[in-house]
C-alpha atoms as a PDB file:
ATOM      1  CA  UNK A   1      40.358 -50.714   7.052  1.00  0.00           C
ATOM      2  CA  UNK A   2      37.934 -48.202   7.786  1.00  0.00           C
ATOM      3  CA  UNK A   3      38.273 -44.763   7.038  1.00  0.00           C
ATOM      4  CA  UNK A   4      37.615 -42.518  10.614  1.00  0.00           C
ATOM      5  CA  UNK A   5      37.471 -39.284   8.664  1.00  0.00           C
ATOM      6  CA  UNK A   6      34.720 -37.132   9.703  1.00  0.00           C
ATOM      7  CA  UNK A   7      32.281 -36.340   7.332  1.00  0.00           C
ATOM      8  CA  UNK A   8      31.933 -32.641   6.352  1.00  0.00           C
ATOM      9  CA  UNK A   9      28.075 -31.380   6.924  1.00  0.00           C
ATOM     10  CA  UNK A  10      26.769 -28.159   6.797  1.00  0.00           C
ATOM     11  CA  UNK A  11      25.133 -26.514   9.446  1.00  0.00           C
ATOM     12  CA  UNK A  12      21.743 -24.823   8.907  1.00  0.00           C
ATOM     13  CA  UNK A  13      20.499 -22.369  11.715  1.00  0.00           C
ATOM     14  CA  UNK A  14      17.146 -20.623  11.144  1.00  0.00           C
ATOM     15  CA  UNK A  15      14.681 -18.174  13.623  1.00  0.00           C
ATOM     16  CA  UNK A  16      11.757 -16.822  11.761  1.00  0.00           C
ATOM     17  CA  UNK A  17      11.724 -13.683  13.791  1.00  0.00           C
ATOM     18  CA  UNK A  18      14.719 -11.166  14.585  1.00  0.00           C
ATOM     19  CA  UNK A  19      13.415 -11.287  18.171  1.00  0.00           C
ATOM     20  CA  UNK A  20      13.592 -15.066  18.540  1.00  0.00           C
ATOM     21  CA  UNK A  21      17.392 -14.977  16.903  1.00  0.00           C
ATOM     22  CA  UNK A  22      18.492 -13.746  21.338  1.00  0.00           C
ATOM     23  CA  UNK A  23      15.908 -16.273  23.013  1.00  0.00           C
ATOM     24  CA  UNK A  24      17.527 -19.088  24.907  1.00  0.00           C
ATOM     25  CA  UNK A  25      15.020 -22.236  23.855  1.00  0.00           C
ATOM     26  CA  UNK A  26      14.782 -21.634  20.041  1.00  0.00           C
ATOM     27  CA  UNK A  27      17.872 -18.771  19.531  1.00  0.00           C
ATOM     28  CA  UNK A  28      20.670 -19.058  17.351  1.00  0.00           C
ATOM     29  CA  UNK A  29      22.809 -19.968  20.050  1.00  0.00           C
ATOM     30  CA  UNK A  30      20.801 -22.845  21.273  1.00  0.00           C
ATOM     31  CA  UNK A  31      20.329 -23.923  18.003  1.00  0.00           C
ATOM     32  CA  UNK A  32      23.795 -23.829  17.456  1.00  0.00           C
ATOM     33  CA  UNK A  33      24.849 -25.807  20.469  1.00  0.00           C
ATOM     34  CA  UNK A  34      22.557 -28.690  19.276  1.00  0.00           C
ATOM     35  CA  UNK A  35      23.965 -28.791  16.329  1.00  0.00           C
ATOM     36  CA  UNK A  36      27.678 -29.418  17.604  1.00  0.00           C
ATOM     37  CA  UNK A  37      26.114 -32.201  19.758  1.00  0.00           C
ATOM     38  CA  UNK A  38      24.666 -33.760  16.861  1.00  0.00           C
ATOM     39  CA  UNK A  39      27.589 -33.712  15.402  1.00  0.00           C
ATOM     40  CA  UNK A  40      29.632 -34.797  18.043  1.00  0.00           C
ATOM     41  CA  UNK A  41      27.101 -38.170  18.183  1.00  0.00           C
ATOM     42  CA  UNK A  42      27.647 -38.871  14.893  1.00  0.00           C
ATOM     43  CA  UNK A  43      31.097 -38.079  14.209  1.00  0.00           C
ATOM     44  CA  UNK A  44      30.606 -35.223  11.577  1.00  0.00           C
ATOM     45  CA  UNK A  45      32.729 -31.737  10.754  1.00  0.00           C
ATOM     46  CA  UNK A  46      30.713 -29.086  10.765  1.00  0.00           C
ATOM     47  CA  UNK A  47      32.428 -27.515   7.442  1.00  0.00           C
ATOM     48  CA  UNK A  48      30.103 -24.577   6.454  1.00  0.00           C
ATOM     49  CA  UNK A  49      27.399 -22.571   8.400  1.00  0.00           C
ATOM     50  CA  UNK A  50      24.601 -20.955   7.186  1.00  0.00           C
ATOM     51  CA  UNK A  51      21.961 -18.732   9.255  1.00  0.00           C
ATOM     52  CA  UNK A  52      18.782 -17.319   8.590  1.00  0.00           C
ATOM     53  CA  UNK A  53      17.552 -14.733  10.766  1.00  0.00           C
ATOM     54  CA  UNK A  54      13.864 -13.465   9.913  1.00  0.00           C
ATOM     55  CA  UNK A  55      12.762 -16.144   7.305  1.00  0.00           C
ATOM     56  CA  UNK A  56       9.445 -17.999   7.979  1.00  0.00           C
ATOM     57  CA  UNK A  57       9.786 -21.453   6.673  1.00  0.00           C
ATOM     58  CA  UNK A  58       7.243 -20.615   4.204  1.00  0.00           C
ATOM     59  CA  UNK A  59       9.991 -18.694   1.790  1.00  0.00           C
ATOM     60  CA  UNK A  60      13.123 -20.564   2.865  1.00  0.00           C
ATOM     61  CA  UNK A  61      14.157 -21.692  -0.540  1.00  0.00           C
ATOM     62  CA  UNK A  62      13.694 -18.463  -2.091  1.00  0.00           C
ATOM     63  CA  UNK A  63      16.723 -16.859  -0.001  1.00  0.00           C
ATOM     64  CA  UNK A  64      19.970 -16.388  -0.851  1.00  0.00           C
ATOM     65  CA  UNK A  65      21.583 -18.567   1.932  1.00  0.00           C
ATOM     66  CA  UNK A  66      19.283 -21.940   0.920  1.00  0.00           C
ATOM     67  CA  UNK A  67      20.300 -20.976  -2.818  1.00  0.00           C
ATOM     68  CA  UNK A  68      23.936 -21.293  -1.868  1.00  0.00           C
ATOM     69  CA  UNK A  69      23.365 -24.484   0.347  1.00  0.00           C
ATOM     70  CA  UNK A  70      21.889 -25.447  -2.710  1.00  0.00           C
ATOM     71  CA  UNK A  71      24.813 -25.422  -4.666  1.00  0.00           C
ATOM     72  CA  UNK A  72      26.711 -26.798  -1.901  1.00  0.00           C
ATOM     73  CA  UNK A  73      25.253 -30.235  -2.080  1.00  0.00           C
ATOM     74  CA  UNK A  74      25.460 -30.138  -5.967  1.00  0.00           C
ATOM     75  CA  UNK A  75      28.998 -29.611  -5.288  1.00  0.00           C
ATOM     76  CA  UNK A  76      29.264 -33.400  -3.823  1.00  0.00           C
ATOM     77  CA  UNK A  77      31.527 -32.394  -1.141  1.00  0.00           C
ATOM     78  CA  UNK A  78      29.300 -32.398   2.189  1.00  0.00           C
ATOM     79  CA  UNK A  79      27.812 -35.660   3.283  1.00  0.00           C
ATOM     80  CA  UNK A  80      24.662 -33.447   4.536  1.00  0.00           C
ATOM     81  CA  UNK A  81      23.062 -30.996   6.298  1.00  0.00           C
ATOM     82  CA  UNK A  82      22.688 -30.843  10.436  1.00  0.00           C
ATOM     83  CA  UNK A  83      19.915 -29.104  11.923  1.00  0.00           C
ATOM     84  CA  UNK A  84      18.273 -28.760  15.192  1.00  0.00           C
ATOM     85  CA  UNK A  85      15.089 -30.095  14.744  1.00  0.00           C
ATOM     86  CA  UNK A  86      13.559 -31.073  11.236  1.00  0.00           C
ATOM     87  CA  UNK A  87      11.214 -27.567  11.242  1.00  0.00           C
ATOM     88  CA  UNK A  88      14.387 -25.405  10.950  1.00  0.00           C
ATOM     89  CA  UNK A  89      14.734 -27.059   7.780  1.00  0.00           C
ATOM     90  CA  UNK A  90      10.764 -27.073   6.203  1.00  0.00           C
ATOM     91  CA  UNK A  91       7.648 -25.985   7.802  1.00  0.00           C
ATOM     92  CA  UNK A  92       5.470 -27.204   4.806  1.00  0.00           C
ATOM     93  CA  UNK A  93       2.982 -24.266   4.363  1.00  0.00           C
ATOM     94  CA  UNK A  94       3.485 -24.027   1.023  1.00  0.00           C
ATOM     95  CA  UNK A  95       4.560 -27.572   0.303  1.00  0.00           C
ATOM     96  CA  UNK A  96       7.963 -26.975  -0.813  1.00  0.00           C
ATOM     97  CA  UNK A  97      10.100 -30.090  -0.676  1.00  0.00           C
ATOM     98  CA  UNK A  98      12.429 -28.868  -3.220  1.00  0.00           C
ATOM     99  CA  UNK A  99      15.065 -28.981  -0.700  1.00  0.00           C
ATOM    100  CA  UNK A 100      14.590 -33.236  -0.171  1.00  0.00           C
ATOM    101  CA  UNK A 101      14.514 -33.305  -3.638  1.00  0.00           C
ATOM    102  CA  UNK A 102      18.039 -31.999  -3.870  1.00  0.00           C
ATOM    103  CA  UNK A 103      19.233 -34.206  -1.078  1.00  0.00           C
ATOM    104  CA  UNK A 104      17.566 -36.987  -2.833  1.00  0.00           C
ATOM    105  CA  UNK A 105      19.410 -36.142  -5.912  1.00  0.00           C
ATOM    106  CA  UNK A 106      22.613 -36.210  -4.213  1.00  0.00           C
ATOM    107  CA  UNK A 107      22.387 -38.723  -1.516  1.00  0.00           C
ATOM    108  CA  UNK A 108      22.678 -36.139   1.112  1.00  0.00           C
ATOM    109  CA  UNK A 109      21.331 -36.841   4.814  1.00  0.00           C
ATOM    110  CA  UNK A 110      19.794 -34.693   7.462  1.00  0.00           C
ATOM    111  CA  UNK A 111      20.886 -34.976  10.735  1.00  0.00           C
ATOM    112  CA  UNK A 112      18.716 -34.091  13.603  1.00  0.00           C
ATOM    113  CA  UNK A 113      18.544 -34.235  17.655  1.00  0.00           C
ATOM    114  CA  UNK A 114      15.942 -37.642  16.300  1.00  0.00           C
ATOM    115  CA  UNK A 115      18.606 -39.152  14.166  1.00  0.00           C
ATOM    116  CA  UNK A 116      19.231 -38.969  10.662  1.00  0.00           C
ATOM    117  CA  UNK A 117      16.942 -39.017   7.498  1.00  0.00           C
ATOM    118  CA  UNK A 118      18.160 -40.115   4.224  1.00  0.00           C
ATOM    119  CA  UNK A 119      15.539 -38.997   1.850  1.00  0.00           C
ATOM    120  CA  UNK A 120      16.050 -40.841  -1.473  1.00  0.00           C
ATOM    121  CA  UNK A 121      15.040 -43.823   1.102  1.00  0.00           C
ATOM    122  CA  UNK A 122      11.631 -45.309   0.814  1.00  0.00           C
ATOM    123  CA  UNK A 123      11.579 -44.815   5.004  1.00  0.00           C
ATOM    124  CA  UNK A 124      13.266 -41.473   4.538  1.00  0.00           C
ATOM    125  CA  UNK A 125      10.639 -40.615   2.201  1.00  0.00           C
ATOM    126  CA  UNK A 126       8.261 -41.607   4.597  1.00  0.00           C
ATOM    127  CA  UNK A 127      10.170 -39.815   7.608  1.00  0.00           C
ATOM    128  CA  UNK A 128      10.257 -36.344   5.731  1.00  0.00           C
ATOM    129  CA  UNK A 129       6.448 -36.264   5.168  1.00  0.00           C
ATOM    130  CA  UNK A 130       5.418 -37.564   8.657  1.00  0.00           C
ATOM    131  CA  UNK A 131       7.806 -34.870  10.095  1.00  0.00           C
ATOM    132  CA  UNK A 132       6.677 -32.140   7.371  1.00  0.00           C
ATOM    133  CA  UNK A 133       3.072 -32.789   9.230  1.00  0.00           C
ATOM    134  CA  UNK A 134       4.018 -32.861  12.542  1.00  0.00           C
ATOM    135  CA  UNK A 135       5.829 -29.147  12.017  1.00  0.00           C
ATOM    136  CA  UNK A 136       2.998 -27.744  10.162  1.00  0.00           C
ATOM    137  CA  UNK A 137       0.597 -28.508  13.300  1.00  0.00           C
ATOM    138  CA  UNK A 138       2.963 -27.123  15.680  1.00  0.00           C
ATOM    139  CA  UNK A 139       3.223 -24.477  14.214  1.00  0.00           C
ATOM    140  CA  UNK A 140      -0.433 -24.062  13.994  1.00  0.00           C
ATOM    141  CA  UNK A 141      -0.741 -24.515  17.457  1.00  0.00           C
ATOM    142  CA  UNK A 142       1.765 -22.349  18.354  1.00  0.00           C
ATOM    143  CA  UNK A 143       0.126 -19.263  16.475  1.00  0.00           C
ATOM    144  CA  UNK A 144      -3.573 -19.844  17.773  1.00  0.00           C
ATOM    145  CA  UNK A 145      -1.672 -20.209  21.300  1.00  0.00           C
ATOM    146  CA  UNK A 146      -0.133 -16.803  20.589  1.00  0.00           C
ATOM    147  CA  UNK A 147      -3.095 -15.037  18.651  1.00  0.00           C
ATOM    148  CA  UNK A 148      -5.471 -15.763  21.620  1.00  0.00           C
ATOM    149  CA  UNK A 149      -2.393 -14.267  24.131  1.00  0.00           C
ATOM    150  CA  UNK A 150      -2.835 -11.370  22.497  1.00  0.00           C
ATOM    151  CA  UNK A 151      -6.194 -11.230  21.698  1.00  0.00           C
ATOM    152  CA  UNK A 152      -6.849 -11.439  25.385  1.00  0.00           C
ATOM    153  CA  UNK A 153      -4.448  -8.607  26.328  1.00  0.00           C
ATOM    154  CA  UNK A 154      -6.664  -6.326  23.758  1.00  0.00           C
ATOM    155  CA  UNK A 155      -9.848  -7.580  25.473  1.00  0.00           C
ATOM    156  CA  UNK A 156      -7.882  -6.340  28.900  1.00  0.00           C
ATOM    157  CA  UNK A 157      -7.019  -3.006  27.776  1.00  0.00           C
ATOM    158  CA  UNK A 158      -3.524  -4.260  27.945  1.00  0.00           C
ATOM    159  CA  UNK A 159      -0.795  -3.951  24.735  1.00  0.00           C
ATOM    160  CA  UNK A 160      -0.026  -6.749  23.037  1.00  0.00           C
ATOM    161  CA  UNK A 161       2.489  -5.752  20.526  1.00  0.00           C
ATOM    162  CA  UNK A 162       6.066  -3.838  20.683  1.00  0.00           C
ATOM    163  CA  UNK A 163       6.807   0.016  21.511  1.00  0.00           C
ATOM    164  CA  UNK A 164       6.643   0.581  18.100  1.00  0.00           C
ATOM    165  CA  UNK A 165       3.856  -0.395  17.566  1.00  0.00           C
ATOM    166  CA  UNK A 166       2.223   2.452  19.839  1.00  0.00           C
ATOM    167  CA  UNK A 167       0.103   5.903  18.638  1.00  0.00           C
ATOM    168  CA  UNK A 168       2.148   8.829  18.175  1.00  0.00           C
ATOM    169  CA  UNK A 169       2.749  10.144  21.457  1.00  0.00           C
ATOM    170  CA  UNK A 170       1.467   7.339  23.343  1.00  0.00           C
ATOM    171  CA  UNK A 171       3.276   5.076  26.015  1.00  0.00           C
ATOM    172  CA  UNK A 172       2.330   1.631  27.611  1.00  0.00           C
ATOM    173  CA  UNK A 173       4.300  -0.442  30.505  1.00  0.00           C
ATOM    174  CA  UNK A 174       2.885  -2.907  32.891  1.00  0.00           C
ATOM    175  CA  UNK A 175       3.168  -0.770  35.819  1.00  0.00           C
ATOM    176  CA  UNK A 176       1.572   2.553  34.235  1.00  0.00           C
ATOM    177  CA  UNK A 177      -0.458   1.199  31.789  1.00  0.00           C
ATOM    178  CA  UNK A 178      -1.495   3.733  28.916  1.00  0.00           C
ATOM    179  CA  UNK A 179      -0.496   7.026  29.383  1.00  0.00           C
ATOM    180  CA  UNK A 180      -0.052  10.150  26.972  1.00  0.00           C
ATOM    181  CA  UNK A 181       3.760  10.998  26.442  1.00  0.00           C
ATOM    182  CA  UNK A 182       5.416  15.097  26.230  1.00  0.00           C
ATOM    183  CA  UNK A 183       4.814  14.598  22.304  1.00  0.00           C
ATOM    184  CA  UNK A 184       0.919  14.412  22.687  1.00  0.00           C
ATOM    185  CA  UNK A 185       1.156  17.937  23.099  1.00  0.00           C
ATOM    186  CA  UNK A 186       1.562  18.352  19.198  1.00  0.00           C
ATOM    187  CA  UNK A 187      -1.739  16.482  18.762  1.00  0.00           C
ATOM    188  CA  UNK A 188      -3.630  18.951  20.970  1.00  0.00           C
ATOM    189  CA  UNK A 189      -2.488  21.398  18.484  1.00  0.00           C
ATOM    190  CA  UNK A 190      -3.230  19.193  15.699  1.00  0.00           C
ATOM    191  CA  UNK A 191      -6.674  19.086  17.077  1.00  0.00           C
ATOM    192  CA  UNK A 192      -6.940  22.973  17.431  1.00  0.00           C
ATOM    193  CA  UNK A 193      -5.345  24.223  13.982  1.00  0.00           C
ATOM    194  CA  UNK A 194      -7.731  21.769  11.970  1.00  0.00           C
ATOM    195  CA  UNK A 195     -10.965  23.279  14.194  1.00  0.00           C
ATOM    196  CA  UNK A 196      -9.807  26.318  12.943  1.00  0.00           C
ATOM    197  CA  UNK A 197      -9.729  25.703   9.451  1.00  0.00           C
ATOM    198  CA  UNK A 198      -5.654  25.373   9.043  1.00  0.00           C
ATOM    199  CA  UNK A 199      -5.124  22.970   5.923  1.00  0.00           C
ATOM    200  CA  UNK A 200      -3.064  19.928   7.050  1.00  0.00           C
ATOM    201  CA  UNK A 201      -0.135  20.769   4.656  1.00  0.00           C
ATOM    202  CA  UNK A 202       0.443  23.804   6.894  1.00  0.00           C
ATOM    203  CA  UNK A 203      -0.179  22.246   9.966  1.00  0.00           C
ATOM    204  CA  UNK A 204       2.532  19.450   9.022  1.00  0.00           C
ATOM    205  CA  UNK A 205       4.561  22.439   8.263  1.00  0.00           C
ATOM    206  CA  UNK A 206       3.920  24.148  11.914  1.00  0.00           C
ATOM    207  CA  UNK A 207       4.691  20.738  13.487  1.00  0.00           C
ATOM    208  CA  UNK A 208       7.630  19.608  11.259  1.00  0.00           C
ATOM    209  CA  UNK A 209       5.305  16.139  10.952  1.00  0.00           C
ATOM    210  CA  UNK A 210       4.812  13.973   7.691  1.00  0.00           C
ATOM    211  CA  UNK A 211       1.568  14.199   6.492  1.00  0.00           C
ATOM    212  CA  UNK A 212       0.555  10.646   6.934  1.00  0.00           C
ATOM    213  CA  UNK A 213       1.114  10.537  10.802  1.00  0.00           C
ATOM    214  CA  UNK A 214      -1.472  13.938  11.404  1.00  0.00           C
ATOM    215  CA  UNK A 215      -3.898  12.211   9.302  1.00  0.00           C
ATOM    216  CA  UNK A 216      -3.693   9.114  11.519  1.00  0.00           C
ATOM    217  CA  UNK A 217      -3.058  10.885  14.384  1.00  0.00           C
ATOM    218  CA  UNK A 218      -6.036  13.067  13.589  1.00  0.00           C
ATOM    219  CA  UNK A 219      -8.726   9.747  13.296  1.00  0.00           C
ATOM    220  CA  UNK A 220      -7.016   7.548  15.982  1.00  0.00           C
ATOM    221  CA  UNK A 221      -9.787   7.717  18.884  1.00  0.00           C
ATOM    222  CA  UNK A 222      -6.906   6.950  21.308  1.00  0.00           C
ATOM    223  CA  UNK A 223      -6.486  10.375  22.026  1.00  0.00           C
ATOM    224  CA  UNK A 224      -9.673  10.552  23.455  1.00  0.00           C
ATOM    225  CA  UNK A 225      -9.018   7.459  26.038  1.00  0.00           C
ATOM    226  CA  UNK A 226     -10.334   4.911  24.272  1.00  0.00           C
ATOM    227  CA  UNK A 227      -8.394   2.268  22.793  1.00  0.00           C
ATOM    228  CA  UNK A 228     -10.095   0.715  19.220  1.00  0.00           C
ATOM    229  CA  UNK A 229      -8.892  -2.208  17.499  1.00  0.00           C
ATOM    230  CA  UNK A 230     -10.957  -2.667  14.434  1.00  0.00           C
ATOM    231  CA  UNK A 231      -8.773  -4.352  12.298  1.00  0.00           C
ATOM    232  CA  UNK A 232      -6.536  -7.132  12.104  1.00  0.00           C
ATOM    233  CA  UNK A 233      -3.556  -8.694  10.112  1.00  0.00           C
ATOM    234  CA  UNK A 234      -5.372 -10.976   7.000  1.00  0.00           C
ATOM    235  CA  UNK A 235      -4.709 -14.004   8.275  1.00  0.00           C
ATOM    236  CA  UNK A 236      -4.841 -15.540   4.488  1.00  0.00           C
ATOM    237  CA  UNK A 237      -1.801 -13.620   3.122  1.00  0.00           C
ATOM    238  CA  UNK A 238       1.862 -14.291   3.856  1.00  0.00           C
ATOM    239  CA  UNK A 239       3.983 -11.538   2.283  1.00  0.00           C
ATOM    240  CA  UNK A 240       7.703 -11.938   1.838  1.00  0.00           C
ATOM    241  CA  UNK A 241      10.365  -9.712   0.376  1.00  0.00           C
ATOM    242  CA  UNK A 242      12.663 -10.881  -3.030  1.00  0.00           C
ATOM    243  CA  UNK A 243      14.961 -12.699  -0.762  1.00  0.00           C
ATOM    244  CA  UNK A 244      12.764 -14.560   1.542  1.00  0.00           C
ATOM    245  CA  UNK A 245      12.554 -12.085   4.653  1.00  0.00           C
ATOM    246  CA  UNK A 246       9.081 -11.628   6.264  1.00  0.00           C
ATOM    247  CA  UNK A 247       6.751  -8.367   5.403  1.00  0.00           C
ATOM    248  CA  UNK A 248       3.773  -7.238   7.202  1.00  0.00           C
ATOM    249  CA  UNK A 249       0.620  -8.964   6.802  1.00  0.00           C
ATOM    250  CA  UNK A 250      -2.059  -5.954   4.947  1.00  0.00           C
ATOM    251  CA  UNK A 251      -4.709  -5.182   7.231  1.00  0.00           C
ATOM    252  CA  UNK A 252      -8.561  -6.050   6.853  1.00  0.00           C
ATOM    253  CA  UNK A 253     -11.721  -4.647   8.818  1.00  0.00           C
ATOM    254  CA  UNK A 254     -12.226  -6.824  11.727  1.00  0.00           C
ATOM    255  CA  UNK A 255     -16.260  -7.858  11.699  1.00  0.00           C
ATOM    256  CA  UNK A 256     -18.408  -6.280  14.327  1.00  0.00           C
ATOM    257  CA  UNK A 257     -18.189  -8.935  16.455  1.00  0.00           C
ATOM    258  CA  UNK A 258     -14.529  -8.700  16.974  1.00  0.00           C
ATOM    259  CA  UNK A 259     -14.148  -4.954  16.987  1.00  0.00           C
ATOM    260  CA  UNK A 260     -12.533  -3.801  20.922  1.00  0.00           C
ATOM    261  CA  UNK A 261     -13.000  -1.042  22.326  1.00  0.00           C
ATOM    262  CA  UNK A 262     -11.688  -0.007  25.446  1.00  0.00           C
ATOM    263  CA  UNK A 263     -11.076   3.356  27.740  1.00  0.00           C
ATOM    264  CA  UNK A 264      -7.610   3.474  28.777  1.00  0.00           C
ATOM    265  CA  UNK A 265      -6.415   6.891  29.255  1.00  0.00           C
ATOM    266  CA  UNK A 266      -8.260   8.835  31.946  1.00  0.00           C
ATOM    267  CA  UNK A 267      -8.452  12.101  31.305  1.00  0.00           C
ATOM    268  CA  UNK A 268      -8.258  12.003  27.683  1.00  0.00           C
ATOM    269  CA  UNK A 269      -6.404  14.512  25.354  1.00  0.00           C
ATOM    270  CA  UNK A 270      -9.126  15.370  23.119  1.00  0.00           C
ATOM    271  CA  UNK A 271     -13.460  15.553  23.812  1.00  0.00           C
ATOM    272  CA  UNK A 272     -15.493  13.075  21.916  1.00  0.00           C
ATOM    273  CA  UNK A 273     -17.127  16.504  21.077  1.00  0.00           C
ATOM    274  CA  UNK A 274     -13.964  17.921  19.281  1.00  0.00           C
ATOM    275  CA  UNK A 275     -13.015  14.083  17.926  1.00  0.00           C
ATOM    276  CA  UNK A 276     -16.580  13.637  15.524  1.00  0.00           C
ATOM    277  CA  UNK A 277     -16.391  17.509  14.543  1.00  0.00           C
ATOM    278  CA  UNK A 278     -12.624  16.744  13.063  1.00  0.00           C
ATOM    279  CA  UNK A 279     -13.929  13.464  11.388  1.00  0.00           C
ATOM    280  CA  UNK A 280     -16.671  15.267  10.067  1.00  0.00           C
ATOM    281  CA  UNK A 281     -14.820  17.834   8.694  1.00  0.00           C
ATOM    282  CA  UNK A 282     -12.450  15.521   7.303  1.00  0.00           C
ATOM    283  CA  UNK A 283     -14.842  13.470   5.608  1.00  0.00           C
ATOM    284  CA  UNK A 284     -16.521  16.766   4.283  1.00  0.00           C
ATOM    285  CA  UNK A 285     -12.955  17.986   2.496  1.00  0.00           C
ATOM    286  CA  UNK A 286     -12.875  14.142   1.038  1.00  0.00           C
ATOM    287  CA  UNK A 287     -15.893  14.075  -0.560  1.00  0.00           C
ATOM    288  CA  UNK A 288     -15.161  17.572  -2.028  1.00  0.00           C
ATOM    289  CA  UNK A 289     -11.687  16.406  -3.272  1.00  0.00           C
ATOM    290  CA  UNK A 290     -13.491  13.617  -4.983  1.00  0.00           C
ATOM    291  CA  UNK A 291     -15.848  15.222  -6.660  1.00  0.00           C
ATOM    292  CA  UNK A 292     -12.698  17.844  -8.174  1.00  0.00           C
ATOM    293  CA  UNK A 293     -10.617  15.038  -8.937  1.00  0.00           C
ATOM    294  CA  UNK A 294      -9.876  14.416 -12.504  1.00  0.00           C
ATOM    295  CA  UNK A 295     -11.915  11.136 -13.967  1.00  0.00           C
ATOM    296  CA  UNK A 296      -9.331   7.956 -13.388  1.00  0.00           C
ATOM    297  CA  UNK A 297      -8.950   5.478 -15.857  1.00  0.00           C
ATOM    298  CA  UNK A 298      -7.483   2.941 -13.813  1.00  0.00           C
ATOM    299  CA  UNK A 299     -10.582   1.696 -12.336  1.00  0.00           C
ATOM    300  CA  UNK A 300      -8.916  -1.255 -10.430  1.00  0.00           C
ATOM    301  CA  UNK A 301      -6.539   0.998  -8.426  1.00  0.00           C
ATOM    302  CA  UNK A 302      -6.759   0.207  -4.712  1.00  0.00           C
ATOM    303  CA  UNK A 303      -8.146  -3.195  -5.371  1.00  0.00           C
ATOM    304  CA  UNK A 304      -5.166  -5.821  -7.078  1.00  0.00           C
ATOM    305  CA  UNK A 305      -2.384  -7.593  -4.969  1.00  0.00           C
ATOM    306  CA  UNK A 306       0.801  -8.747  -6.428  1.00  0.00           C
ATOM    307  CA  UNK A 307       0.324 -12.461  -7.076  1.00  0.00           C
ATOM    308  CA  UNK A 308       3.874 -12.901  -5.659  1.00  0.00           C
ATOM    309  CA  UNK A 309       4.649 -11.037  -2.533  1.00  0.00           C
ATOM    310  CA  UNK A 310       1.074 -10.414  -1.968  1.00  0.00           C
ATOM    311  CA  UNK A 311       1.734  -6.441  -1.760  1.00  0.00           C
ATOM    312  CA  UNK A 312      -1.109  -3.991  -2.918  1.00  0.00           C
ATOM    313  CA  UNK A 313      -0.648  -3.085  -6.849  1.00  0.00           C
ATOM    314  CA  UNK A 314      -0.859   0.544  -7.318  1.00  0.00           C
ATOM    315  CA  UNK A 315      -0.743   2.805 -10.659  1.00  0.00           C
ATOM    316  CA  UNK A 316       2.868   4.067 -12.383  1.00  0.00           C
ATOM    317  CA  UNK A 317       3.242   6.617 -14.606  1.00  0.00           C
ATOM    318  CA  UNK A 318      -0.693   7.283 -15.252  1.00  0.00           C
ATOM    319  CA  UNK A 319      -0.142   8.296 -19.069  1.00  0.00           C
ATOM    320  CA  UNK A 320       2.207   5.395 -19.986  1.00  0.00           C
ATOM    321  CA  UNK A 321      -0.639   2.858 -18.482  1.00  0.00           C
ATOM    322  CA  UNK A 322      -0.028   0.530 -16.223  1.00  0.00           C
ATOM    323  CA  UNK A 323       0.243  -1.120 -12.643  1.00  0.00           C
ATOM    324  CA  UNK A 324       3.258  -2.167 -10.760  1.00  0.00           C
ATOM    325  CA  UNK A 325       3.858  -3.790  -7.113  1.00  0.00           C
ATOM    326  CA  UNK A 326       3.889  -1.585  -4.309  1.00  0.00           C
ATOM    327  CA  UNK A 327       7.049  -3.722  -2.793  1.00  0.00           C
ATOM    328  CA  UNK A 328       8.910  -2.315  -6.095  1.00  0.00           C
END
């Protein structure tokens, strides 16, 4: 007599960014619907659901949710794992096939729209390796296409990012292009005060703004009407939090041939002459500060990065004499 009881499986849903969570084709709802169809096709019962948001395939195994999945597989109460597509379980950017090692040890099956995979069989091992390579190639193609599209927008004088990445007091829309918002009048006042000799700390107090924002605004040419892209994310570094969520990659200088300068706002908020005078004054004050500062014994400050997450390492408690990860 054949046992018709549905086999219990774990549904795994993953999106690499929060923005993808709501997308029609790759979003959470689309993956859930696909998993339901797969389960129905193979007579499976989705007894547990694991959802990963803002988690790259490169760091998937460091998340608490995946550790929960591993423990569930080792409990031997689940027949396998069900995903919309192979890349939801793994993208072998760091060649971490630990999940499939666990599935081999527990004789667990991976179910996708393309069919089941049994990693403990010779054919299953080849399918895992083959699909891993395909997923990695797809990711590389997608990234190249996305980055190429963003770079084309930059060269056209458009804004390729989201609203949060816009400079203080600057707005952008497809209809209007770049424009100064009402807050930009604070930037005009920053320049006026700085040119009259007012220290940064007093400017911050007068305007109620953080020092890093004022310093950044005083050195940003967008207020002269020119958008400059002279830095970019370091493609060789991927950074993650301790629980596998993504962090911004460190910024590096673009080589001269990649620097983009486009005049995007007219008339400007600040004249070129005023801007250059402020840059000279800031450089002069920085030189005086370096000469007057006490000699620092931590000579590697600003040069070291954490070997685990890639964050910049900084000095903590100079008297104690050690460096710590900036993400701590």
